[in-house]
Amino acid sequence: MGLLTYNISDDELEIVTLNAIEEGKGIGTALLDEVETHAKMKKCSRVWLITTNDNIDALRFYQKRQYEIKSVHRYAIEESRKIKPQLPFVGKYGIPIRDEIEMEKLL
């Protein structure tokens, strides 16, 4: 039904991917709750992730779950395109993709 991948480094847990087959069924929330419990068990001080400026659905999802925008890395996608030139220039809702947004939840 869903998959969340993560990486723990030092005392931080980074969410690398979060995917749910069906939206609005609580799958993403359940995965997020479980990884936060795991992070606390591993004595992590924060859970964090990076998303792109066009990912309005993710920004809404995480903010509703007490994640905050920590920083905006302006034009970071230009650097990413040097490695992955297939990255699109325009995302969902017709928004140009150019910035990375770092979000975090302190534990």
N, C-alpha and C. Protein backbone atom coordinates (compact mmCIF):
# COMPACT_ATOMS: atom_id res chain seq x y z
N MET A 1 0.82 -1.21 0.00
CA MET A 1 0.00 0.00 0.00
C MET A 1 0.85 1.26 0.00
N GLY A 2 2.08 1.19 0.60
CA GLY A 2 2.92 2.37 0.65
C GLY A 2 4.34 2.00 1.02
N LEU A 3 5.23 2.96 0.86
CA LEU A 3 6.64 2.74 1.16
C LEU A 3 7.27 4.05 1.60
N LEU A 4 8.03 4.00 2.69
CA LEU A 4 8.81 5.12 3.16
C LEU A 4 10.24 4.63 3.29
N THR A 5 11.18 5.35 2.68
CA THR A 5 12.59 5.02 2.84
C THR A 5 13.25 6.16 3.60
N TYR A 6 14.27 5.80 4.37
CA TYR A 6 14.92 6.81 5.21
C TYR A 6 16.38 6.48 5.39
N ASN A 7 17.10 7.44 5.92
CA ASN A 7 18.51 7.27 6.26
C ASN A 7 18.76 7.95 7.60
N ILE A 8 19.43 7.24 8.49
CA ILE A 8 19.81 7.84 9.78
C ILE A 8 21.30 8.14 9.73
N SER A 9 21.62 9.38 10.04
CA SER A 9 23.02 9.82 10.13
C SER A 9 23.16 10.65 11.39
N ASP A 10 24.13 10.29 12.22
CA ASP A 10 24.30 10.93 13.52
C ASP A 10 22.98 10.84 14.28
N ASP A 11 22.39 11.98 14.65
CA ASP A 11 21.14 11.93 15.41
C ASP A 11 19.97 12.50 14.59
N GLU A 12 20.03 12.30 13.27
CA GLU A 12 18.98 12.81 12.39
C GLU A 12 18.48 11.70 11.47
N LEU A 13 17.18 11.70 11.27
CA LEU A 13 16.57 10.77 10.33
C LEU A 13 16.07 11.56 9.14
N GLU A 14 16.57 11.22 7.96
CA GLU A 14 16.13 11.87 6.72
C GLU A 14 15.14 10.97 6.01
N ILE A 15 13.98 11.51 5.69
CA ILE A 15 13.02 10.80 4.86
C ILE A 15 13.49 10.98 3.42
N VAL A 16 13.77 9.87 2.75
CA VAL A 16 14.26 9.92 1.38
C VAL A 16 13.09 9.85 0.41
N THR A 17 12.18 8.92 0.64
CA THR A 17 10.97 8.82 -0.20
C THR A 17 9.78 8.46 0.68
N LEU A 18 8.62 8.93 0.25
CA LEU A 18 7.36 8.53 0.88
C LEU A 18 6.33 8.42 -0.24
N ASN A 19 5.83 7.21 -0.43
CA ASN A 19 4.86 6.96 -1.50
C ASN A 19 3.69 6.16 -0.94
N ALA A 20 2.50 6.54 -1.33
CA ALA A 20 1.29 5.79 -0.98
C ALA A 20 0.54 5.50 -2.28
N ILE A 21 0.09 4.26 -2.41
CA ILE A 21 -0.62 3.86 -3.63
C ILE A 21 -1.91 4.66 -3.79
N GLU A 22 -2.64 4.83 -2.69
CA GLU A 22 -3.89 5.59 -2.71
C GLU A 22 -3.77 6.76 -1.75
N GLU A 23 -4.08 7.95 -2.24
CA GLU A 23 -4.05 9.13 -1.39
C GLU A 23 -5.33 9.23 -0.56
N GLY A 24 -5.20 9.85 0.61
CA GLY A 24 -6.37 10.11 1.44
C GLY A 24 -6.85 8.92 2.25
N LYS A 25 -6.07 7.84 2.30
CA LYS A 25 -6.48 6.64 3.04
C LYS A 25 -5.71 6.50 4.36
N GLY A 26 -4.81 7.43 4.67
CA GLY A 26 -4.06 7.36 5.92
C GLY A 26 -2.76 6.58 5.82
N ILE A 27 -2.43 6.11 4.63
CA ILE A 27 -1.22 5.30 4.45
C ILE A 27 0.03 6.14 4.74
N GLY A 28 0.12 7.31 4.13
CA GLY A 28 1.27 8.18 4.35
C GLY A 28 1.40 8.60 5.80
N THR A 29 0.30 8.92 6.42
CA THR A 29 0.32 9.31 7.83
C THR A 29 0.79 8.16 8.71
N ALA A 30 0.32 6.95 8.43
CA ALA A 30 0.74 5.79 9.21
C ALA A 30 2.24 5.54 9.05
N LEU A 31 2.74 5.65 7.84
CA LEU A 31 4.18 5.46 7.60
C LEU A 31 4.98 6.54 8.32
N LEU A 32 4.51 7.77 8.26
CA LEU A 32 5.20 8.87 8.91
C LEU A 32 5.21 8.69 10.43
N ASP A 33 4.08 8.30 10.99
CA ASP A 33 4.01 8.04 12.43
C ASP A 33 4.99 6.96 12.84
N GLU A 34 5.07 5.91 12.05
CA GLU A 34 5.96 4.79 12.37
C GLU A 34 7.43 5.21 12.31
N VAL A 35 7.80 5.99 11.29
CA VAL A 35 9.20 6.39 11.17
C VAL A 35 9.56 7.39 12.27
N GLU A 36 8.63 8.22 12.70
CA GLU A 36 8.89 9.14 13.80
C GLU A 36 9.09 8.37 15.11
N THR A 37 8.31 7.33 15.33
CA THR A 37 8.48 6.47 16.50
C THR A 37 9.86 5.81 16.46
N HIS A 38 10.25 5.34 15.29
CA HIS A 38 11.56 4.72 15.12
C HIS A 38 12.68 5.74 15.39
N ALA A 39 12.51 6.96 14.89
CA ALA A 39 13.51 8.01 15.11
C ALA A 39 13.67 8.31 16.60
N LYS A 40 12.58 8.36 17.32
CA LYS A 40 12.65 8.60 18.77
C LYS A 40 13.35 7.45 19.47
N MET A 41 13.06 6.24 19.04
CA MET A 41 13.70 5.06 19.63
C MET A 41 15.21 5.09 19.40
N LYS A 42 15.62 5.62 18.24
CA LYS A 42 17.04 5.72 17.91
C LYS A 42 17.67 7.00 18.45
N LYS A 43 16.88 7.75 19.24
CA LYS A 43 17.33 8.99 19.88
C LYS A 43 17.74 10.08 18.88
N CYS A 44 16.99 10.15 17.79
CA CYS A 44 17.21 11.21 16.80
C CYS A 44 16.63 12.52 17.33
N SER A 45 17.26 13.62 16.99
CA SER A 45 16.78 14.93 17.43
C SER A 45 15.79 15.54 16.44
N ARG A 46 15.83 15.05 15.21
CA ARG A 46 14.90 15.58 14.22
C ARG A 46 14.68 14.60 13.08
N VAL A 47 13.55 14.78 12.41
CA VAL A 47 13.25 14.09 11.16
C VAL A 47 13.18 15.19 10.11
N TRP A 48 13.82 14.96 8.95
CA TRP A 48 13.83 16.00 7.93
C TRP A 48 13.72 15.39 6.54
N LEU A 49 13.44 16.27 5.59
CA LEU A 49 13.29 15.84 4.20
C LEU A 49 13.48 17.04 3.28
N ILE A 50 13.66 16.74 2.03
CA ILE A 50 13.75 17.77 0.99
C ILE A 50 12.65 17.49 -0.02
N THR A 51 11.94 18.53 -0.43
CA THR A 51 10.99 18.43 -1.52
C THR A 51 11.21 19.63 -2.44
N THR A 52 10.56 19.63 -3.56
CA THR A 52 10.72 20.74 -4.51
C THR A 52 9.59 21.75 -4.35
N ASN A 53 9.85 22.95 -4.81
CA ASN A 53 8.91 24.05 -4.64
C ASN A 53 7.56 23.80 -5.30
N ASP A 54 7.50 22.94 -6.29
CA ASP A 54 6.24 22.69 -6.99
C ASP A 54 5.37 21.66 -6.29
N ASN A 55 5.92 20.96 -5.29
CA ASN A 55 5.22 19.84 -4.67
C ASN A 55 4.27 20.33 -3.58
N ILE A 56 3.24 21.01 -4.02
CA ILE A 56 2.26 21.62 -3.12
C ILE A 56 1.59 20.57 -2.24
N ASP A 57 1.31 19.39 -2.82
CA ASP A 57 0.65 18.34 -2.04
C ASP A 57 1.53 17.88 -0.87
N ALA A 58 2.83 17.73 -1.12
CA ALA A 58 3.75 17.33 -0.04
C ALA A 58 3.88 18.44 1.00
N LEU A 59 3.99 19.68 0.55
CA LEU A 59 4.10 20.80 1.49
C LEU A 59 2.89 20.84 2.42
N ARG A 60 1.72 20.64 1.86
CA ARG A 60 0.49 20.61 2.65
C ARG A 60 0.49 19.42 3.61
N PHE A 61 0.82 18.25 3.09
CA PHE A 61 0.83 17.02 3.89
C PHE A 61 1.73 17.15 5.12
N TYR A 62 2.97 17.57 4.90
CA TYR A 62 3.92 17.64 6.01
C TYR A 62 3.58 18.76 7.00
N GLN A 63 3.16 19.91 6.50
CA GLN A 63 2.85 21.00 7.43
C GLN A 63 1.67 20.66 8.32
N LYS A 64 0.71 19.91 7.80
CA LYS A 64 -0.43 19.48 8.62
C LYS A 64 0.00 18.52 9.71
N ARG A 65 1.21 17.97 9.58
CA ARG A 65 1.74 17.01 10.55
C ARG A 65 2.91 17.59 11.33
N GLN A 66 2.88 18.90 11.52
CA GLN A 66 3.83 19.66 12.35
C GLN A 66 5.26 19.75 11.81
N TYR A 67 5.44 19.53 10.52
CA TYR A 67 6.74 19.79 9.91
C TYR A 67 6.80 21.25 9.53
N GLU A 68 7.97 21.83 9.67
CA GLU A 68 8.16 23.25 9.36
C GLU A 68 9.19 23.41 8.26
N ILE A 69 9.05 24.48 7.51
CA ILE A 69 10.05 24.80 6.50
C ILE A 69 11.27 25.35 7.22
N LYS A 70 12.39 24.65 7.05
CA LYS A 70 13.63 25.07 7.70
C LYS A 70 14.41 26.01 6.80
N SER A 71 14.49 25.66 5.51
CA SER A 71 15.23 26.52 4.58
C SER A 71 14.79 26.25 3.16
N VAL A 72 15.03 27.23 2.33
CA VAL A 72 14.77 27.13 0.90
C VAL A 72 16.10 27.27 0.19
N HIS A 73 16.41 26.27 -0.61
CA HIS A 73 17.66 26.29 -1.37
C HIS A 73 17.29 26.73 -2.80
N ARG A 74 17.43 28.03 -3.00
CA ARG A 74 17.00 28.62 -4.27
C ARG A 74 17.85 28.10 -5.43
N TYR A 75 17.17 27.75 -6.49
CA TYR A 75 17.76 27.29 -7.75
C TYR A 75 18.59 26.02 -7.60
N ALA A 76 18.37 25.26 -6.55
CA ALA A 76 19.12 24.01 -6.33
C ALA A 76 18.86 22.97 -7.42
N ILE A 77 17.70 23.03 -8.03
CA ILE A 77 17.38 22.04 -9.06
C ILE A 77 18.28 22.21 -10.29
N GLU A 78 18.78 23.42 -10.52
CA GLU A 78 19.72 23.61 -11.63
C GLU A 78 20.95 22.72 -11.45
N GLU A 79 21.43 22.61 -10.22
CA GLU A 79 22.58 21.73 -9.94
C GLU A 79 22.18 20.26 -10.12
N SER A 80 20.98 19.92 -9.67
CA SER A 80 20.50 18.54 -9.81
C SER A 80 20.37 18.15 -11.28
N ARG A 81 19.98 19.08 -12.12
CA ARG A 81 19.83 18.78 -13.55
C ARG A 81 21.17 18.50 -14.23
N LYS A 82 22.26 18.95 -13.64
CA LYS A 82 23.58 18.62 -14.20
C LYS A 82 23.86 17.13 -14.05
N ILE A 83 23.30 16.53 -12.99
CA ILE A 83 23.47 15.11 -12.74
C ILE A 83 22.34 14.31 -13.40
N LYS A 84 21.13 14.87 -13.33
CA LYS A 84 19.95 14.20 -13.89
C LYS A 84 19.25 15.15 -14.86
N PRO A 85 19.74 15.24 -16.09
CA PRO A 85 19.15 16.19 -17.05
C PRO A 85 17.70 15.90 -17.42
N GLN A 86 17.20 14.70 -17.08
CA GLN A 86 15.82 14.35 -17.40
C GLN A 86 14.81 14.98 -16.44
N LEU A 87 15.28 15.65 -15.40
CA LEU A 87 14.34 16.30 -14.47
C LEU A 87 13.51 17.34 -15.22
N PRO A 88 12.20 17.31 -15.00
CA PRO A 88 11.33 18.25 -15.73
C PRO A 88 11.54 19.70 -15.27
N PHE A 89 11.15 20.61 -16.14
CA PHE A 89 11.25 22.04 -15.82
C PHE A 89 9.96 22.58 -15.21
N VAL A 90 8.86 21.89 -15.45
CA VAL A 90 7.56 22.32 -14.93
C VAL A 90 6.91 21.12 -14.26
N GLY A 91 6.34 21.36 -13.08
CA GLY A 91 5.72 20.28 -12.32
C GLY A 91 4.21 20.37 -12.32
N LYS A 92 3.64 19.66 -11.37
CA LYS A 92 2.20 19.64 -11.20
C LYS A 92 1.69 21.06 -10.99
N TYR A 93 0.52 21.33 -11.49
CA TYR A 93 -0.13 22.64 -11.40
C TYR A 93 0.59 23.70 -12.24
N GLY A 94 1.50 23.27 -13.13
CA GLY A 94 2.18 24.22 -14.02
C GLY A 94 3.22 25.09 -13.32
N ILE A 95 3.69 24.67 -12.17
CA ILE A 95 4.66 25.45 -11.40
C ILE A 95 6.08 25.11 -11.87
N PRO A 96 6.90 26.13 -12.22
CA PRO A 96 8.29 25.85 -12.59
C PRO A 96 9.04 25.21 -11.41
N ILE A 97 9.81 24.16 -11.70
CA ILE A 97 10.58 23.47 -10.66
C ILE A 97 11.98 24.07 -10.63
N ARG A 98 12.35 24.69 -9.49
CA ARG A 98 13.67 25.31 -9.41
C ARG A 98 14.29 25.26 -8.02
N ASP A 99 13.50 25.19 -6.95
CA ASP A 99 14.02 25.29 -5.59
C ASP A 99 13.81 23.99 -4.83
N GLU A 100 14.68 23.74 -3.86
CA GLU A 100 14.49 22.65 -2.92
C GLU A 100 14.07 23.25 -1.58
N ILE A 101 13.10 22.63 -0.96
CA ILE A 101 12.60 23.10 0.34
C ILE A 101 12.92 22.05 1.38
N GLU A 102 13.66 22.44 2.39
CA GLU A 102 14.00 21.53 3.48
C GLU A 102 12.98 21.72 4.59
N MET A 103 12.38 20.61 5.00
CA MET A 103 11.39 20.63 6.06
C MET A 103 11.89 19.75 7.20
N GLU A 104 11.48 20.10 8.43
CA GLU A 104 11.91 19.32 9.58
C GLU A 104 10.85 19.31 10.66
N LYS A 105 10.96 18.26 11.47
CA LYS A 105 10.17 18.16 12.69
C LYS A 105 11.15 17.82 13.80
N LEU A 106 11.23 18.68 14.78
CA LEU A 106 12.11 18.43 15.91
C LEU A 106 11.45 17.46 16.86
N LEU A 107 12.22 16.53 17.37
CA LEU A 107 11.67 15.50 18.27
C LEU A 107 12.01 15.80 19.72
